[in-house]
Amino acid sequence: MEANAIAKHVRMSPSKIRPVADAIRGKKIEKAYITLRNLNKRAAEFLLKTVNSAVANLQDQDPVARLDEMIIKEIRIDEGTTLKRWQPRAMGRATPIRKRSSHISVVVSTEETEAD
């Protein structure tokens, strides 16, 4: 059984979230929780909330699903919308500032296929 969760418009660039997502991809949920709680990255907070939501969705669909049997089957960080701003510079010029956002997709499964 599978369940997914999506966090959209997370105000952090995908390049900053992807290394944290790579650290938990394919792991069991308990190990992923430990990893995310001990990482000193702001992206870990967003990923922890999304993984918690996916686990809650799976437990809602299948009440007998146990936490120690769940794995992160798929985790994907996509680029969201970009806010475009302008920064004034010397001699009357301006340079663009791109404030990027991300979409985080997590799929949690109970099948023991390629677990850590």
PDB file of N, CA and C in Angstrom:
ATOM      1  N   MET A   1       0.837  -1.175   0.000  1.00  0.00           N
ATOM      2  CA  MET A   1       0.000   0.000   0.000  1.00  0.00           C
ATOM      3  C   MET A   1       0.885   1.241   0.000  1.00  0.00           C
ATOM      4  N   GLU A   2       0.423   2.269  -0.693  1.00  0.00           N
ATOM      5  CA  GLU A   2       1.184   3.506  -0.814  1.00  0.00           C
ATOM      6  C   GLU A   2       0.330   4.705  -0.437  1.00  0.00           C
ATOM      7  N   ALA A   3       1.010   5.748  -0.006  1.00  0.00           N
ATOM      8  CA  ALA A   3       0.361   7.037   0.230  1.00  0.00           C
ATOM      9  C   ALA A   3       1.373   8.119  -0.087  1.00  0.00           C
ATOM     10  N   ASN A   4       0.860   9.260  -0.531  1.00  0.00           N
ATOM     11  CA  ASN A   4       1.780  10.335  -0.856  1.00  0.00           C
ATOM     12  C   ASN A   4       1.354  11.631  -0.182  1.00  0.00           C
ATOM     13  N   ALA A   5       2.287  12.581  -0.152  1.00  0.00           N
ATOM     14  CA  ALA A   5       2.025  13.917   0.367  1.00  0.00           C
ATOM     15  C   ALA A   5       2.829  14.895  -0.480  1.00  0.00           C
ATOM     16  N   ILE A   6       2.239  16.061  -0.695  1.00  0.00           N
ATOM     17  CA  ILE A   6       2.897  17.078  -1.507  1.00  0.00           C
ATOM     18  C   ILE A   6       2.871  18.399  -0.741  1.00  0.00           C
ATOM     19  N   ALA A   7       4.031  19.026  -0.640  1.00  0.00           N
ATOM     20  CA  ALA A   7       4.131  20.373  -0.063  1.00  0.00           C
ATOM     21  C   ALA A   7       4.497  21.304  -1.212  1.00  0.00           C
ATOM     22  N   LYS A   8       3.623  22.247  -1.494  1.00  0.00           N
ATOM     23  CA  LYS A   8       3.855  23.140  -2.621  1.00  0.00           C
ATOM     24  C   LYS A   8       4.278  24.523  -2.139  1.00  0.00           C
ATOM     25  N   HIS A   9       5.004  25.205  -2.986  1.00  0.00           N
ATOM     26  CA  HIS A   9       5.441  26.592  -2.764  1.00  0.00           C
ATOM     27  C   HIS A   9       6.251  26.760  -1.483  1.00  0.00           C
ATOM     28  N   VAL A  10       7.153  25.832  -1.231  1.00  0.00           N
ATOM     29  CA  VAL A  10       8.064  25.929  -0.097  1.00  0.00           C
ATOM     30  C   VAL A  10       9.125  26.965  -0.459  1.00  0.00           C
ATOM     31  N   ARG A  11       9.285  27.996   0.357  1.00  0.00           N
ATOM     32  CA  ARG A  11      10.162  29.114   0.015  1.00  0.00           C
ATOM     33  C   ARG A  11      11.631  28.795   0.285  1.00  0.00           C
ATOM     34  N   MET A  12      12.123  27.819  -0.439  1.00  0.00           N
ATOM     35  CA  MET A  12      13.532  27.453  -0.398  1.00  0.00           C
ATOM     36  C   MET A  12      13.871  26.859  -1.759  1.00  0.00           C
ATOM     37  N   SER A  13      15.062  27.125  -2.233  1.00  0.00           N
ATOM     38  CA  SER A  13      15.408  26.665  -3.575  1.00  0.00           C
ATOM     39  C   SER A  13      15.579  25.144  -3.594  1.00  0.00           C
ATOM     40  N   PRO A  14      15.245  24.519  -4.723  1.00  0.00           N
ATOM     41  CA  PRO A  14      15.380  23.063  -4.821  1.00  0.00           C
ATOM     42  C   PRO A  14      16.808  22.582  -4.635  1.00  0.00           C
ATOM     43  N   SER A  15      17.783  23.386  -5.033  1.00  0.00           N
ATOM     44  CA  SER A  15      19.179  22.960  -4.901  1.00  0.00           C
ATOM     45  C   SER A  15      19.603  22.840  -3.438  1.00  0.00           C
ATOM     46  N   LYS A  16      18.920  23.533  -2.541  1.00  0.00           N
ATOM     47  CA  LYS A  16      19.233  23.420  -1.117  1.00  0.00           C
ATOM     48  C   LYS A  16      18.497  22.258  -0.454  1.00  0.00           C
ATOM     49  N   ILE A  17      17.366  21.856  -1.032  1.00  0.00           N
ATOM     50  CA  ILE A  17      16.574  20.774  -0.435  1.00  0.00           C
ATOM     51  C   ILE A  17      17.037  19.404  -0.936  1.00  0.00           C
ATOM     52  N   ARG A  18      17.489  19.328  -2.185  1.00  0.00           N
ATOM     53  CA  ARG A  18      17.823  18.031  -2.782  1.00  0.00           C
ATOM     54  C   ARG A  18      18.888  17.232  -2.030  1.00  0.00           C
ATOM     55  N   PRO A  19      19.983  17.828  -1.520  1.00  0.00           N
ATOM     56  CA  PRO A  19      20.949  17.001  -0.763  1.00  0.00           C
ATOM     57  C   PRO A  19      20.352  16.382   0.495  1.00  0.00           C
ATOM     58  N   VAL A  20      19.425  17.077   1.141  1.00  0.00           N
ATOM     59  CA  VAL A  20      18.773  16.529   2.337  1.00  0.00           C
ATOM     60  C   VAL A  20      17.830  15.401   1.927  1.00  0.00           C
ATOM     61  N   ALA A  21      17.140  15.567   0.801  1.00  0.00           N
ATOM     62  CA  ALA A  21      16.249  14.508   0.311  1.00  0.00           C
ATOM     63  C   ALA A  21      17.039  13.267  -0.080  1.00  0.00           C
ATOM     64  N   ASP A  22      18.233  13.457  -0.648  1.00  0.00           N
ATOM     65  CA  ASP A  22      19.074  12.313  -1.009  1.00  0.00           C
ATOM     66  C   ASP A  22      19.508  11.520   0.219  1.00  0.00           C
ATOM     67  N   ALA A  23      19.619  12.201   1.360  1.00  0.00           N
ATOM     68  CA  ALA A  23      20.049  11.529   2.589  1.00  0.00           C
ATOM     69  C   ALA A  23      18.999  10.568   3.130  1.00  0.00           C
ATOM     70  N   ILE A  24      17.715  10.771   2.790  1.00  0.00           N
ATOM     71  CA  ILE A  24      16.659   9.906   3.338  1.00  0.00           C
ATOM     72  C   ILE A  24      15.980   9.062   2.274  1.00  0.00           C
ATOM     73  N   ARG A  25      16.335   9.215   1.023  1.00  0.00           N
ATOM     74  CA  ARG A  25      15.681   8.476  -0.065  1.00  0.00           C
ATOM     75  C   ARG A  25      15.901   6.972   0.098  1.00  0.00           C
ATOM     76  N   GLY A  26      14.795   6.208   0.095  1.00  0.00           N
ATOM     77  CA  GLY A  26      14.861   4.751   0.176  1.00  0.00           C
ATOM     78  C   GLY A  26      15.024   4.191   1.581  1.00  0.00           C
ATOM     79  N   LYS A  27      15.083   5.043   2.590  1.00  0.00           N
ATOM     80  CA  LYS A  27      15.290   4.557   3.957  1.00  0.00           C
ATOM     81  C   LYS A  27      13.969   4.214   4.626  1.00  0.00           C
ATOM     82  N   LYS A  28      14.077   3.477   5.712  1.00  0.00           N
ATOM     83  CA  LYS A  28      12.908   3.214   6.546  1.00  0.00           C
ATOM     84  C   LYS A  28      12.512   4.510   7.248  1.00  0.00           C
ATOM     85  N   ILE A  29      11.248   4.608   7.613  1.00  0.00           N
ATOM     86  CA  ILE A  29      10.727   5.857   8.182  1.00  0.00           C
ATOM     87  C   ILE A  29      11.415   6.208   9.489  1.00  0.00           C
ATOM     88  N   GLU A  30      11.642   5.214  10.340  1.00  0.00           N
ATOM     89  CA  GLU A  30      12.279   5.500  11.634  1.00  0.00           C
ATOM     90  C   GLU A  30      13.681   6.074  11.443  1.00  0.00           C
ATOM     91  N   LYS A  31      14.436   5.514  10.480  1.00  0.00           N
ATOM     92  CA  LYS A  31      15.779   6.028  10.201  1.00  0.00           C
ATOM     93  C   LYS A  31      15.725   7.419   9.589  1.00  0.00           C
ATOM     94  N   ALA A  32      14.720   7.645   8.743  1.00  0.00           N
ATOM     95  CA  ALA A  32      14.559   8.962   8.122  1.00  0.00           C
ATOM     96  C   ALA A  32      14.237  10.021   9.173  1.00  0.00           C
ATOM     97  N   TYR A  33      13.395   9.678  10.155  1.00  0.00           N
ATOM     98  CA  TYR A  33      13.084  10.618  11.239  1.00  0.00           C
ATOM     99  C   TYR A  33      14.349  10.997  12.010  1.00  0.00           C
ATOM    100  N   ILE A  34      15.158  10.002  12.346  1.00  0.00           N
ATOM    101  CA  ILE A  34      16.394  10.268  13.097  1.00  0.00           C
ATOM    102  C   ILE A  34      17.327  11.156  12.279  1.00  0.00           C
ATOM    103  N   THR A  35      17.460  10.851  10.995  1.00  0.00           N
ATOM    104  CA  THR A  35      18.336  11.640  10.127  1.00  0.00           C
ATOM    105  C   THR A  35      17.859  13.082  10.023  1.00  0.00           C
ATOM    106  N   LEU A  36      16.565  13.275   9.794  1.00  0.00           N
ATOM    107  CA  LEU A  36      16.041  14.625   9.620  1.00  0.00           C
ATOM    108  C   LEU A  36      16.104  15.447  10.904  1.00  0.00           C
ATOM    109  N   ARG A  37      15.918  14.802  12.033  1.00  0.00           N
ATOM    110  CA  ARG A  37      15.973  15.547  13.298  1.00  0.00           C
ATOM    111  C   ARG A  37      17.398  15.961  13.665  1.00  0.00           C
ATOM    112  N   ASN A  38      18.393  15.226  13.181  1.00  0.00           N
ATOM    113  CA  ASN A  38      19.777  15.519  13.543  1.00  0.00           C
ATOM    114  C   ASN A  38      20.536  16.331  12.506  1.00  0.00           C
ATOM    115  N   LEU A  39      19.956  16.537  11.326  1.00  0.00           N
ATOM    116  CA  LEU A  39      20.618  17.352  10.321  1.00  0.00           C
ATOM    117  C   LEU A  39      20.492  18.831  10.680  1.00  0.00           C
ATOM    118  N   ASN A  40      21.566  19.555  10.490  1.00  0.00           N
ATOM    119  CA  ASN A  40      21.569  20.974  10.801  1.00  0.00           C
ATOM    120  C   ASN A  40      21.286  21.782   9.534  1.00  0.00           C
ATOM    121  N   LYS A  41      20.171  21.488   8.895  1.00  0.00           N
ATOM    122  CA  LYS A  41      19.751  22.162   7.674  1.00  0.00           C
ATOM    123  C   LYS A  41      18.305  22.607   7.828  1.00  0.00           C
ATOM    124  N   ARG A  42      17.990  23.793   7.292  1.00  0.00           N
ATOM    125  CA  ARG A  42      16.627  24.296   7.361  1.00  0.00           C
ATOM    126  C   ARG A  42      15.684  23.445   6.513  1.00  0.00           C
ATOM    127  N   ALA A  43      16.202  22.838   5.455  1.00  0.00           N
ATOM    128  CA  ALA A  43      15.383  22.014   4.571  1.00  0.00           C
ATOM    129  C   ALA A  43      14.852  20.773   5.290  1.00  0.00           C
ATOM    130  N   ALA A  44      15.531  20.317   6.305  1.00  0.00           N
ATOM    131  CA  ALA A  44      15.102  19.125   7.039  1.00  0.00           C
ATOM    132  C   ALA A  44      13.741  19.342   7.698  1.00  0.00           C
ATOM    133  N   GLU A  45      13.460  20.567   8.112  1.00  0.00           N
ATOM    134  CA  GLU A  45      12.175  20.882   8.736  1.00  0.00           C
ATOM    135  C   GLU A  45      11.025  20.696   7.745  1.00  0.00           C
ATOM    136  N   PHE A  46      11.200  21.199   6.518  1.00  0.00           N
ATOM    137  CA  PHE A  46      10.160  21.056   5.492  1.00  0.00           C
ATOM    138  C   PHE A  46       9.967  19.594   5.099  1.00  0.00           C
ATOM    139  N   LEU A  47      11.060  18.861   4.978  1.00  0.00           N
ATOM    140  CA  LEU A  47      10.962  17.447   4.612  1.00  0.00           C
ATOM    141  C   LEU A  47      10.322  16.626   5.726  1.00  0.00           C
ATOM    142  N   LEU A  48      10.633  16.945   6.971  1.00  0.00           N
ATOM    143  CA  LEU A  48      10.047  16.218   8.102  1.00  0.00           C
ATOM    144  C   LEU A  48       8.532  16.391   8.130  1.00  0.00           C
ATOM    145  N   LYS A  49       8.064  17.609   7.878  1.00  0.00           N
ATOM    146  CA  LYS A  49       6.623  17.850   7.864  1.00  0.00           C
ATOM    147  C   LYS A  49       5.944  17.086   6.732  1.00  0.00           C
ATOM    148  N   THR A  50       6.588  17.027   5.573  1.00  0.00           N
ATOM    149  CA  THR A  50       5.994  16.332   4.435  1.00  0.00           C
ATOM    150  C   THR A  50       5.998  14.822   4.645  1.00  0.00           C
ATOM    151  N   VAL A  51       7.068  14.287   5.207  1.00  0.00           N
ATOM    152  CA  VAL A  51       7.131  12.848   5.506  1.00  0.00           C
ATOM    153  C   VAL A  51       6.090  12.497   6.565  1.00  0.00           C
ATOM    154  N   ASN A  52       5.935  13.334   7.586  1.00  0.00           N
ATOM    155  CA  ASN A  52       4.904  13.095   8.603  1.00  0.00           C
ATOM    156  C   ASN A  52       3.515  13.053   7.981  1.00  0.00           C
ATOM    157  N   SER A  53       3.258  13.937   7.032  1.00  0.00           N
ATOM    158  CA  SER A  53       1.966  13.968   6.365  1.00  0.00           C
ATOM    159  C   SER A  53       1.738  12.706   5.539  1.00  0.00           C
ATOM    160  N   ALA A  54       2.766  12.247   4.837  1.00  0.00           N
ATOM    161  CA  ALA A  54       2.638  11.021   4.043  1.00  0.00           C
ATOM    162  C   ALA A  54       2.391   9.807   4.937  1.00  0.00           C
ATOM    163  N   VAL A  55       3.068   9.738   6.070  1.00  0.00           N
ATOM    164  CA  VAL A  55       2.865   8.625   7.014  1.00  0.00           C
ATOM    165  C   VAL A  55       1.442   8.665   7.569  1.00  0.00           C
ATOM    166  N   ALA A  56       0.956   9.865   7.908  1.00  0.00           N
ATOM    167  CA  ALA A  56      -0.414   9.992   8.415  1.00  0.00           C
ATOM    168  C   ALA A  56      -1.431   9.586   7.352  1.00  0.00           C
ATOM    169  N   ASN A  57      -1.158   9.933   6.089  1.00  0.00           N
ATOM    170  CA  ASN A  57      -2.057   9.524   5.001  1.00  0.00           C
ATOM    171  C   ASN A  57      -2.092   8.004   4.848  1.00  0.00           C
ATOM    172  N   LEU A  58      -0.921   7.370   4.990  1.00  0.00           N
ATOM    173  CA  LEU A  58      -0.876   5.909   4.873  1.00  0.00           C
ATOM    174  C   LEU A  58      -1.595   5.246   6.045  1.00  0.00           C
ATOM    175  N   GLN A  59      -1.413   5.775   7.240  1.00  0.00           N
ATOM    176  CA  GLN A  59      -2.097   5.202   8.399  1.00  0.00           C
ATOM    177  C   GLN A  59      -3.599   5.435   8.335  1.00  0.00           C
ATOM    178  N   ASP A  60      -4.012   6.506   7.669  1.00  0.00           N
ATOM    179  CA  ASP A  60      -5.434   6.762   7.494  1.00  0.00           C
ATOM    180  C   ASP A  60      -6.044   5.762   6.506  1.00  0.00           C
ATOM    181  N   GLN A  61      -5.296   5.426   5.449  1.00  0.00           N
ATOM    182  CA  GLN A  61      -5.780   4.455   4.469  1.00  0.00           C
ATOM    183  C   GLN A  61      -5.733   3.031   4.996  1.00  0.00           C
ATOM    184  N   ASP A  62      -4.679   2.711   5.743  1.00  0.00           N
ATOM    185  CA  ASP A  62      -4.474   1.356   6.245  1.00  0.00           C
ATOM    186  C   ASP A  62      -4.167   1.428   7.739  1.00  0.00           C
ATOM    187  N   PRO A  63      -5.185   1.325   8.600  1.00  0.00           N
ATOM    188  CA  PRO A  63      -4.970   1.506  10.046  1.00  0.00           C
ATOM    189  C   PRO A  63      -4.033   0.480  10.688  1.00  0.00           C
ATOM    190  N   VAL A  64      -3.836  -0.682  10.055  1.00  0.00           N
ATOM    191  CA  VAL A  64      -2.962  -1.689  10.653  1.00  0.00           C
ATOM    192  C   VAL A  64      -1.512  -1.541  10.197  1.00  0.00           C
ATOM    193  N   ALA A  65      -1.216  -0.539   9.369  1.00  0.00           N
ATOM    194  CA  ALA A  65       0.156  -0.327   8.896  1.00  0.00           C
ATOM    195  C   ALA A  65       1.037   0.098  10.070  1.00  0.00           C
ATOM    196  N   ARG A  66       2.180  -0.566  10.169  1.00  0.00           N
ATOM    197  CA  ARG A  66       3.101  -0.276  11.274  1.00  0.00           C
ATOM    198  C   ARG A  66       4.229   0.615  10.786  1.00  0.00           C
ATOM    199  N   LEU A  67       4.696   1.456  11.686  1.00  0.00           N
ATOM    200  CA  LEU A  67       5.726   2.439  11.343  1.00  0.00           C
ATOM    201  C   LEU A  67       7.044   1.763  10.984  1.00  0.00           C
ATOM    202  N   ASP A  68       7.370   0.651  11.615  1.00  0.00           N
ATOM    203  CA  ASP A  68       8.659  -0.005  11.347  1.00  0.00           C
ATOM    204  C   ASP A  68       8.673  -0.757  10.013  1.00  0.00           C
ATOM    205  N   GLU A  69       7.519  -0.899   9.348  1.00  0.00           N
ATOM    206  CA  GLU A  69       7.461  -1.543   8.039  1.00  0.00           C
ATOM    207  C   GLU A  69       7.455  -0.547   6.893  1.00  0.00           C
ATOM    208  N   MET A  70       7.311   0.733   7.192  1.00  0.00           N
ATOM    209  CA  MET A  70       7.187   1.748   6.146  1.00  0.00           C
ATOM    210  C   MET A  70       8.551   2.200   5.647  1.00  0.00           C
ATOM    211  N   ILE A  71       8.611   2.449   4.336  1.00  0.00           N
ATOM    212  CA  ILE A  71       9.828   2.995   3.736  1.00  0.00           C
ATOM    213  C   ILE A  71       9.456   4.190   2.859  1.00  0.00           C
ATOM    214  N   ILE A  72      10.438   5.029   2.596  1.00  0.00           N
ATOM    215  CA  ILE A  72      10.246   6.136   1.672  1.00  0.00           C
ATOM    216  C   ILE A  72      10.521   5.591   0.282  1.00  0.00           C
ATOM    217  N   LYS A  73       9.471   5.366  -0.470  1.00  0.00           N
ATOM    218  CA  LYS A  73       9.605   4.763  -1.791  1.00  0.00           C
ATOM    219  C   LYS A  73      10.111   5.778  -2.815  1.00  0.00           C
ATOM    220  N   GLU A  74       9.597   6.984  -2.746  1.00  0.00           N
ATOM    221  CA  GLU A  74      10.000   8.006  -3.714  1.00  0.00           C
ATOM    222  C   GLU A  74       9.957   9.372  -3.037  1.00  0.00           C
ATOM    223  N   ILE A  75      10.945  10.184  -3.333  1.00  0.00           N
ATOM    224  CA  ILE A  75      10.952  11.567  -2.857  1.00  0.00           C
ATOM    225  C   ILE A  75      11.468  12.424  -3.999  1.00  0.00           C
ATOM    226  N   ARG A  76      10.698  13.456  -4.332  1.00  0.00           N
ATOM    227  CA  ARG A  76      11.024  14.272  -5.493  1.00  0.00           C
ATOM    228  C   ARG A  76      10.935  15.750  -5.122  1.00  0.00           C
ATOM    229  N   ILE A  77      11.941  16.506  -5.518  1.00  0.00           N
ATOM    230  CA  ILE A  77      11.977  17.937  -5.279  1.00  0.00           C
ATOM    231  C   ILE A  77      11.908  18.628  -6.637  1.00  0.00           C
ATOM    232  N   ASP A  78      10.797  19.282  -6.905  1.00  0.00           N
ATOM    233  CA  ASP A  78      10.613  19.979  -8.170  1.00  0.00           C
ATOM    234  C   ASP A  78      10.685  21.484  -7.944  1.00  0.00           C
ATOM    235  N   GLU A  79      10.944  22.198  -9.033  1.00  0.00           N
ATOM    236  CA  GLU A  79      11.025  23.650  -8.940  1.00  0.00           C
ATOM    237  C   GLU A  79       9.622  24.248  -8.978  1.00  0.00           C
ATOM    238  N   GLY A  80       9.374  25.178  -8.074  1.00  0.00           N
ATOM    239  CA  GLY A  80       8.090  25.859  -8.032  1.00  0.00           C
ATOM    240  C   GLY A  80       8.177  27.208  -8.728  1.00  0.00           C
ATOM    241  N   THR A  81       7.312  28.102  -8.333  1.00  0.00           N
ATOM    242  CA  THR A  81       7.314  29.429  -8.933  1.00  0.00           C
ATOM    243  C   THR A  81       8.513  30.229  -8.436  1.00  0.00           C
ATOM    244  N   THR A  82       8.921  31.198  -9.235  1.00  0.00           N
ATOM    245  CA  THR A  82      10.052  32.046  -8.883  1.00  0.00           C
ATOM    246  C   THR A  82       9.569  33.482  -8.768  1.00  0.00           C
ATOM    247  N   LEU A  83       9.807  34.107  -7.629  1.00  0.00           N
ATOM    248  CA  LEU A  83       9.499  35.523  -7.448  1.00  0.00           C
ATOM    249  C   LEU A  83      10.648  36.331  -8.029  1.00  0.00           C
ATOM    250  N   LYS A  84      10.336  37.293  -8.873  1.00  0.00           N
ATOM    251  CA  LYS A  84      11.381  38.083  -9.511  1.00  0.00           C
ATOM    252  C   LYS A  84      11.403  39.473  -8.903  1.00  0.00           C
ATOM    253  N   ARG A  85      12.549  39.848  -8.389  1.00  0.00           N
ATOM    254  CA  ARG A  85      12.751  41.149  -7.768  1.00  0.00           C
ATOM    255  C   ARG A  85      13.943  41.819  -8.416  1.00  0.00           C
ATOM    256  N   TRP A  86      14.110  43.119  -8.154  1.00  0.00           N
ATOM    257  CA  TRP A  86      15.221  43.868  -8.727  1.00  0.00           C
ATOM    258  C   TRP A  86      16.034  44.519  -7.624  1.00  0.00           C
ATOM    259  N   GLN A  87      17.348  44.465  -7.776  1.00  0.00           N
ATOM    260  CA  GLN A  87      18.286  45.040  -6.808  1.00  0.00           C
ATOM    261  C   GLN A  87      18.982  46.229  -7.477  1.00  0.00           C
ATOM    262  N   PRO A  88      18.863  47.432  -6.907  1.00  0.00           N
ATOM    263  CA  PRO A  88      19.564  48.566  -7.507  1.00  0.00           C
ATOM    264  C   PRO A  88      21.078  48.411  -7.365  1.00  0.00           C
ATOM    265  N   ARG A  89      21.801  48.795  -8.427  1.00  0.00           N
ATOM    266  CA  ARG A  89      23.257  48.700  -8.440  1.00  0.00           C
ATOM    267  C   ARG A  89      23.865  50.037  -8.845  1.00  0.00           C
ATOM    268  N   ALA A  90      25.141  50.041  -9.018  1.00  0.00           N
ATOM    269  CA  ALA A  90      25.859  51.274  -9.318  1.00  0.00           C
ATOM    270  C   ALA A  90      25.494  51.830 -10.693  1.00  0.00           C
ATOM    271  N   MET A  91      25.630  53.125 -10.844  1.00  0.00           N
ATOM    272  CA  MET A  91      25.434  53.853 -12.108  1.00  0.00           C
ATOM    273  C   MET A  91      24.031  53.652 -12.674  1.00  0.00           C
ATOM    274  N   GLY A  92      23.038  53.575 -11.810  1.00  0.00           N
ATOM    275  CA  GLY A  92      21.653  53.509 -12.247  1.00  0.00           C
ATOM    276  C   GLY A  92      21.205  52.184 -12.816  1.00  0.00           C
ATOM    277  N   ARG A  93      22.011  51.167 -12.686  1.00  0.00           N
ATOM    278  CA  ARG A  93      21.639  49.852 -13.204  1.00  0.00           C
ATOM    279  C   ARG A  93      20.850  49.069 -12.158  1.00  0.00           C
ATOM    280  N   ALA A  94      20.319  47.939 -12.587  1.00  0.00           N
ATOM    281  CA  ALA A  94      19.611  47.042 -11.674  1.00  0.00           C
ATOM    282  C   ALA A  94      19.916  45.609 -12.082  1.00  0.00           C
ATOM    283  N   THR A  95      20.021  44.721 -11.108  1.00  0.00           N
ATOM    284  CA  THR A  95      20.238  43.306 -11.395  1.00  0.00           C
ATOM    285  C   THR A  95      19.068  42.498 -10.840  1.00  0.00           C
ATOM    286  N   PRO A  96      18.728  41.427 -11.510  1.00  0.00           N
ATOM    287  CA  PRO A  96      17.586  40.635 -11.048  1.00  0.00           C
ATOM    288  C   PRO A  96      17.947  39.766  -9.842  1.00  0.00           C
ATOM    289  N   ILE A  97      16.966  39.580  -8.982  1.00  0.00           N
ATOM    290  CA  ILE A  97      17.066  38.639  -7.864  1.00  0.00           C
ATOM    291  C   ILE A  97      15.934  37.641  -8.048  1.00  0.00           C
ATOM    292  N   ARG A  98      16.262  36.361  -8.071  1.00  0.00           N
ATOM    293  CA  ARG A  98      15.263  35.317  -8.245  1.00  0.00           C
ATOM    294  C   ARG A  98      15.081  34.577  -6.928  1.00  0.00           C
ATOM    295  N   LYS A  99      13.904  34.709  -6.332  1.00  0.00           N
ATOM    296  CA  LYS A  99      13.596  34.026  -5.080  1.00  0.00           C
ATOM    297  C   LYS A  99      12.845  32.749  -5.442  1.00  0.00           C
ATOM    298  N   ARG A 100      13.544  31.639  -5.372  1.00  0.00           N
ATOM    299  CA  ARG A 100      13.006  30.373  -5.860  1.00  0.00           C
ATOM    300  C   ARG A 100      12.172  29.663  -4.794  1.00  0.00           C
ATOM    301  N   SER A 101      11.267  28.820  -5.267  1.00  0.00           N
ATOM    302  CA  SER A 101      10.473  27.990  -4.369  1.00  0.00           C
ATOM    303  C   SER A 101      10.479  26.557  -4.899  1.00  0.00           C
ATOM    304  N   SER A 102       9.975  25.636  -4.093  1.00  0.00           N
ATOM    305  CA  SER A 102      10.040  24.209  -4.415  1.00  0.00           C
ATOM    306  C   SER A 102       8.704  23.539  -4.167  1.00  0.00           C
ATOM    307  N   HIS A 103       8.528  22.403  -4.833  1.00  0.00           N
ATOM    308  CA  HIS A 103       7.425  21.492  -4.553  1.00  0.00           C
ATOM    309  C   HIS A 103       8.056  20.176  -4.088  1.00  0.00           C
ATOM    310  N   ILE A 104       7.655  19.697  -2.903  1.00  0.00           N
ATOM    311  CA  ILE A 104       8.204  18.465  -2.335  1.00  0.00           C
ATOM    312  C   ILE A 104       7.142  17.372  -2.430  1.00  0.00           C
ATOM    313  N   SER A 105       7.478  16.248  -3.056  1.00  0.00           N
ATOM    314  CA  SER A 105       6.569  15.104  -3.177  1.00  0.00           C
ATOM    315  C   SER A 105       7.209  13.897  -2.498  1.00  0.00           C
ATOM    316  N   VAL A 106       6.458  13.266  -1.585  1.00  0.00           N
ATOM    317  CA  VAL A 106       6.959  12.091  -0.860  1.00  0.00           C
ATOM    318  C   VAL A 106       5.948  10.963  -1.021  1.00  0.00           C
ATOM    319  N   VAL A 107       6.434   9.778  -1.389  1.00  0.00           N
ATOM    320  CA  VAL A 107       5.601   8.576  -1.469  1.00  0.00           C
ATOM    321  C   VAL A 107       6.124   7.586  -0.439  1.00  0.00           C
ATOM    322  N   VAL A 108       5.236   7.156   0.447  1.00  0.00           N
ATOM    323  CA  VAL A 108       5.579   6.195   1.503  1.00  0.00           C
ATOM    324  C   VAL A 108       4.869   4.887   1.196  1.00  0.00           C
ATOM    325  N   SER A 109       5.583   3.775   1.380  1.00  0.00           N
ATOM    326  CA  SER A 109       5.041   2.467   1.044  1.00  0.00           C
ATOM    327  C   SER A 109       5.290   1.488   2.189  1.00  0.00           C
ATOM    328  N   THR A 110       4.461   0.448   2.256  1.00  0.00           N
ATOM    329  CA  THR A 110       4.673  -0.594   3.262  1.00  0.00           C
ATOM    330  C   THR A 110       5.373  -1.805   2.682  1.00  0.00           C
ATOM    331  N   GLU A 111       5.507  -1.864   1.355  1.00  0.00           N
ATOM    332  CA  GLU A 111       6.192  -2.994   0.754  1.00  0.00           C
ATOM    333  C   GLU A 111       7.685  -2.908   1.036  1.00  0.00           C
ATOM    334  N   GLU A 112       8.280  -4.042   1.355  1.00  0.00           N
ATOM    335  CA  GLU A 112       9.725  -4.116   1.594  1.00  0.00           C
ATOM    336  C   GLU A 112      10.408  -4.488   0.288  1.00  0.00           C
ATOM    337  N   THR A 113      10.587  -3.537  -0.617  1.00  0.00           N
ATOM    338  CA  THR A 113      11.184  -3.856  -1.914  1.00  0.00           C
ATOM    339  C   THR A 113      12.683  -3.656  -1.870  1.00  0.00           C
ATOM    340  N   GLU A 114      13.156  -2.415  -1.858  1.00  0.00           N
ATOM    341  CA  GLU A 114      14.579  -2.139  -1.812  1.00  0.00           C
ATOM    342  C   GLU A 114      14.877  -1.264  -0.617  1.00  0.00           C
ATOM    343  N   ALA A 115      14.571  -1.748   0.551  1.00  0.00           N
ATOM    344  CA  ALA A 115      14.771  -0.960   1.767  1.00  0.00           C
ATOM    345  C   ALA A 115      16.244  -0.898   2.119  1.00  0.00           C
ATOM    346  N   ASP A 116      16.602   0.100   2.880  1.00  0.00           N
ATOM    347  CA  ASP A 116      17.980   0.358   3.305  1.00  0.00           C
ATOM    348  C   ASP A 116      18.513  -0.808   4.044  1.00  0.00           C
TER     349      ASP A 116
END
